[in-house]
């Protein structure tokens, strides 16, 4: 640890700089220049999710030609999360990732991060899931 009146430099056990703490006086002097860089760094750590492609789901519903009614039920075999109506569930346990006219609708589970594939065939529905590579 090294410090001056206006900054505290923290190092790890190998001598690598870990963080810097600035005094309020120094922060006020450089805030306008540094904040855009800090916000950009935060955005990289936690990117804003893309909007759900609801237009794809609406298109599938518009051209629905399966032998059964539309079902908005989704469940995750990985963690047990479920919703009888993912479109209107206020808890939003599933996020739509994509849908196509072939009947494939893909979700991600908000609880465990698994990918859920809801496959619509002419006479039945099949669910599949897979977890992320990081074991989430």
C-alpha atoms as a PDB file:
ATOM      1  CA  UNK A   1       0.000   0.000   0.000  1.00  0.00           C
ATOM      2  CA  UNK A   2       1.287   3.406  -0.986  1.00  0.00           C
ATOM      3  CA  UNK A   3      -0.462   6.644  -0.268  1.00  0.00           C
ATOM      4  CA  UNK A   4      -0.265  10.347  -0.628  1.00  0.00           C
ATOM      5  CA  UNK A   5      -2.565  13.002   0.742  1.00  0.00           C
ATOM      6  CA  UNK A   6      -4.968  12.609  -2.185  1.00  0.00           C
ATOM      7  CA  UNK A   7      -4.676   8.990  -3.281  1.00  0.00           C
ATOM      8  CA  UNK A   8      -4.273   5.516  -1.815  1.00  0.00           C
ATOM      9  CA  UNK A   9      -2.686   2.855  -4.051  1.00  0.00           C
ATOM     10  CA  UNK A  10      -3.450  -0.758  -3.082  1.00  0.00           C
ATOM     11  CA  UNK A  11      -1.229  -3.613  -4.306  1.00  0.00           C
ATOM     12  CA  UNK A  12      -1.656  -7.384  -4.140  1.00  0.00           C
ATOM     13  CA  UNK A  13       0.895  -9.731  -2.557  1.00  0.00           C
ATOM     14  CA  UNK A  14       2.824  -9.874  -5.855  1.00  0.00           C
ATOM     15  CA  UNK A  15       3.177  -6.106  -6.025  1.00  0.00           C
ATOM     16  CA  UNK A  16       0.586  -5.685  -8.785  1.00  0.00           C
ATOM     17  CA  UNK A  17      -1.600  -2.588  -8.529  1.00  0.00           C
ATOM     18  CA  UNK A  18      -5.066  -3.674  -7.391  1.00  0.00           C
ATOM     19  CA  UNK A  19      -6.938  -0.388  -6.973  1.00  0.00           C
ATOM     20  CA  UNK A  20      -6.635   3.324  -6.365  1.00  0.00           C
ATOM     21  CA  UNK A  21      -8.721   5.320  -3.940  1.00  0.00           C
ATOM     22  CA  UNK A  22      -8.933   9.051  -4.662  1.00  0.00           C
ATOM     23  CA  UNK A  23      -9.739  11.774  -2.179  1.00  0.00           C
ATOM     24  CA  UNK A  24     -13.004  13.663  -2.679  1.00  0.00           C
ATOM     25  CA  UNK A  25     -11.038  16.763  -3.669  1.00  0.00           C
ATOM     26  CA  UNK A  26      -9.174  14.943  -6.451  1.00  0.00           C
ATOM     27  CA  UNK A  27     -12.343  13.168  -7.567  1.00  0.00           C
ATOM     28  CA  UNK A  28     -14.184  16.478  -7.979  1.00  0.00           C
ATOM     29  CA  UNK A  29     -11.323  17.813 -10.112  1.00  0.00           C
ATOM     30  CA  UNK A  30     -11.273  14.862 -12.529  1.00  0.00           C
ATOM     31  CA  UNK A  31     -14.837  13.493 -12.270  1.00  0.00           C
ATOM     32  CA  UNK A  32     -16.107  14.840 -15.616  1.00  0.00           C
ATOM     33  CA  UNK A  33     -13.191  13.318 -17.501  1.00  0.00           C
ATOM     34  CA  UNK A  34     -13.149   9.943 -15.703  1.00  0.00           C
ATOM     35  CA  UNK A  35     -16.859   9.122 -15.418  1.00  0.00           C
ATOM     36  CA  UNK A  36     -17.314   8.193 -19.113  1.00  0.00           C
ATOM     37  CA  UNK A  37     -14.456   5.671 -18.814  1.00  0.00           C
ATOM     38  CA  UNK A  38     -15.837   4.250 -15.580  1.00  0.00           C
ATOM     39  CA  UNK A  39     -19.341   3.898 -17.054  1.00  0.00           C
ATOM     40  CA  UNK A  40     -17.895   2.156 -20.119  1.00  0.00           C
ATOM     41  CA  UNK A  41     -16.032  -0.283 -17.861  1.00  0.00           C
ATOM     42  CA  UNK A  42     -19.216  -1.031 -15.898  1.00  0.00           C
ATOM     43  CA  UNK A  43     -21.117  -1.598 -19.144  1.00  0.00           C
ATOM     44  CA  UNK A  44     -18.534  -4.189 -20.249  1.00  0.00           C
ATOM     45  CA  UNK A  45     -18.847  -6.027 -16.920  1.00  0.00           C
ATOM     46  CA  UNK A  46     -22.649  -6.144 -17.015  1.00  0.00           C
ATOM     47  CA  UNK A  47     -23.843  -5.448 -20.545  1.00  0.00           C
ATOM     48  CA  UNK A  48     -27.420  -4.344 -21.049  1.00  0.00           C
ATOM     49  CA  UNK A  49     -29.354  -7.343 -22.317  1.00  0.00           C
ATOM     50  CA  UNK A  50     -30.749  -7.172 -25.821  1.00  0.00           C
ATOM     51  CA  UNK A  51     -34.508  -6.728 -25.975  1.00  0.00           C
ATOM     52  CA  UNK A  52     -36.485  -9.946 -26.309  1.00  0.00           C
ATOM     53  CA  UNK A  53     -37.345 -10.688 -29.958  1.00  0.00           C
ATOM     54  CA  UNK A  54     -41.080 -10.690 -29.251  1.00  0.00           C
ATOM     55  CA  UNK A  55     -41.796  -9.937 -32.920  1.00  0.00           C
ATOM     56  CA  UNK A  56     -40.479 -13.432 -33.746  1.00  0.00           C
ATOM     57  CA  UNK A  57     -42.895 -14.995 -31.219  1.00  0.00           C
ATOM     58  CA  UNK A  58     -45.774 -12.895 -32.585  1.00  0.00           C
ATOM     59  CA  UNK A  59     -44.952 -14.015 -36.122  1.00  0.00           C
ATOM     60  CA  UNK A  60     -44.985 -17.683 -35.057  1.00  0.00           C
ATOM     61  CA  UNK A  61     -48.390 -17.166 -33.406  1.00  0.00           C
ATOM     62  CA  UNK A  62     -49.706 -15.420 -36.515  1.00  0.00           C
ATOM     63  CA  UNK A  63     -48.819 -18.375 -38.745  1.00  0.00           C
ATOM     64  CA  UNK A  64     -49.636 -21.072 -36.161  1.00  0.00           C
ATOM     65  CA  UNK A  65     -50.693 -24.247 -37.968  1.00  0.00           C
ATOM     66  CA  UNK A  66     -50.059 -26.924 -35.367  1.00  0.00           C
ATOM     67  CA  UNK A  67     -52.807 -29.366 -34.327  1.00  0.00           C
ATOM     68  CA  UNK A  68     -53.001 -27.985 -30.769  1.00  0.00           C
ATOM     69  CA  UNK A  69     -53.536 -24.557 -29.224  1.00  0.00           C
ATOM     70  CA  UNK A  70     -50.660 -22.213 -28.423  1.00  0.00           C
ATOM     71  CA  UNK A  71     -49.160 -22.909 -25.010  1.00  0.00           C
ATOM     72  CA  UNK A  72     -47.136 -20.300 -23.135  1.00  0.00           C
ATOM     73  CA  UNK A  73     -46.022 -22.783 -20.482  1.00  0.00           C
ATOM     74  CA  UNK A  74     -42.234 -23.046 -19.994  1.00  0.00           C
ATOM     75  CA  UNK A  75     -40.207 -25.060 -17.491  1.00  0.00           C
ATOM     76  CA  UNK A  76     -36.534 -25.592 -16.770  1.00  0.00           C
ATOM     77  CA  UNK A  77     -35.465 -29.173 -16.118  1.00  0.00           C
ATOM     78  CA  UNK A  78     -32.149 -27.918 -14.756  1.00  0.00           C
ATOM     79  CA  UNK A  79     -33.410 -25.940 -11.740  1.00  0.00           C
ATOM     80  CA  UNK A  80     -37.148 -26.643 -11.681  1.00  0.00           C
ATOM     81  CA  UNK A  81     -38.289 -23.098 -12.500  1.00  0.00           C
ATOM     82  CA  UNK A  82     -41.613 -22.988 -14.315  1.00  0.00           C
ATOM     83  CA  UNK A  83     -44.280 -20.647 -15.568  1.00  0.00           C
ATOM     84  CA  UNK A  84     -47.722 -21.461 -16.881  1.00  0.00           C
ATOM     85  CA  UNK A  85     -47.629 -18.234 -18.943  1.00  0.00           C
ATOM     86  CA  UNK A  86     -44.148 -16.840 -19.639  1.00  0.00           C
ATOM     87  CA  UNK A  87     -45.596 -13.925 -21.651  1.00  0.00           C
ATOM     88  CA  UNK A  88     -47.532 -12.493 -18.699  1.00  0.00           C
ATOM     89  CA  UNK A  89     -45.640 -13.834 -15.683  1.00  0.00           C
ATOM     90  CA  UNK A  90     -44.642 -10.793 -13.576  1.00  0.00           C
ATOM     91  CA  UNK A  91     -41.685 -12.716 -12.117  1.00  0.00           C
ATOM     92  CA  UNK A  92     -40.208 -13.139 -15.651  1.00  0.00           C
ATOM     93  CA  UNK A  93     -38.537 -16.501 -14.899  1.00  0.00           C
ATOM     94  CA  UNK A  94     -37.764 -16.962 -18.596  1.00  0.00           C
ATOM     95  CA  UNK A  95     -36.429 -14.595 -21.209  1.00  0.00           C
ATOM     96  CA  UNK A  96     -37.188 -15.158 -24.900  1.00  0.00           C
ATOM     97  CA  UNK A  97     -34.019 -15.531 -26.944  1.00  0.00           C
ATOM     98  CA  UNK A  98     -35.593 -16.418 -30.275  1.00  0.00           C
ATOM     99  CA  UNK A  99     -38.464 -18.038 -32.165  1.00  0.00           C
ATOM    100  CA  UNK A 100     -38.933 -19.177 -35.734  1.00  0.00           C
ATOM    101  CA  UNK A 101     -41.719 -20.320 -38.026  1.00  0.00           C
ATOM    102  CA  UNK A 102     -40.440 -23.893 -37.811  1.00  0.00           C
ATOM    103  CA  UNK A 103     -41.729 -24.001 -34.240  1.00  0.00           C
ATOM    104  CA  UNK A 104     -38.476 -23.602 -32.308  1.00  0.00           C
ATOM    105  CA  UNK A 105     -38.765 -21.190 -29.378  1.00  0.00           C
ATOM    106  CA  UNK A 106     -35.665 -20.608 -27.239  1.00  0.00           C
ATOM    107  CA  UNK A 107     -35.563 -19.144 -23.728  1.00  0.00           C
ATOM    108  CA  UNK A 108     -32.978 -18.538 -21.070  1.00  0.00           C
ATOM    109  CA  UNK A 109     -33.786 -19.320 -17.450  1.00  0.00           C
ATOM    110  CA  UNK A 110     -33.434 -16.280 -15.196  1.00  0.00           C
ATOM    111  CA  UNK A 111     -32.733 -18.511 -12.190  1.00  0.00           C
ATOM    112  CA  UNK A 112     -29.944 -20.810 -13.405  1.00  0.00           C
ATOM    113  CA  UNK A 113     -28.984 -19.454 -16.848  1.00  0.00           C
ATOM    114  CA  UNK A 114     -29.882 -22.660 -18.701  1.00  0.00           C
ATOM    115  CA  UNK A 115     -31.035 -22.473 -22.302  1.00  0.00           C
ATOM    116  CA  UNK A 116     -34.480 -23.986 -22.822  1.00  0.00           C
ATOM    117  CA  UNK A 117     -35.607 -25.045 -26.276  1.00  0.00           C
ATOM    118  CA  UNK A 118     -39.334 -25.558 -26.749  1.00  0.00           C
ATOM    119  CA  UNK A 119     -39.772 -27.490 -29.984  1.00  0.00           C
ATOM    120  CA  UNK A 120     -43.226 -27.461 -31.526  1.00  0.00           C
ATOM    121  CA  UNK A 121     -43.918 -30.415 -33.797  1.00  0.00           C
ATOM    122  CA  UNK A 122     -47.156 -30.946 -35.736  1.00  0.00           C
ATOM    123  CA  UNK A 123     -48.671 -33.142 -33.010  1.00  0.00           C
ATOM    124  CA  UNK A 124     -46.603 -32.548 -29.844  1.00  0.00           C
ATOM    125  CA  UNK A 125     -44.195 -30.276 -27.961  1.00  0.00           C
ATOM    126  CA  UNK A 126     -40.753 -31.284 -26.739  1.00  0.00           C
ATOM    127  CA  UNK A 127     -38.562 -29.418 -24.219  1.00  0.00           C
ATOM    128  CA  UNK A 128     -34.765 -29.575 -24.144  1.00  0.00           C
ATOM    129  CA  UNK A 129     -32.323 -27.659 -22.010  1.00  0.00           C
ATOM    130  CA  UNK A 130     -28.597 -27.098 -21.731  1.00  0.00           C
ATOM    131  CA  UNK A 131     -26.498 -25.314 -19.156  1.00  0.00           C
ATOM    132  CA  UNK A 132     -23.814 -22.732 -19.817  1.00  0.00           C
ATOM    133  CA  UNK A 133     -20.170 -23.714 -20.146  1.00  0.00           C
ATOM    134  CA  UNK A 134     -19.268 -21.905 -16.929  1.00  0.00           C
ATOM    135  CA  UNK A 135     -21.530 -24.248 -14.932  1.00  0.00           C
ATOM    136  CA  UNK A 136     -23.917 -21.515 -13.934  1.00  0.00           C
END
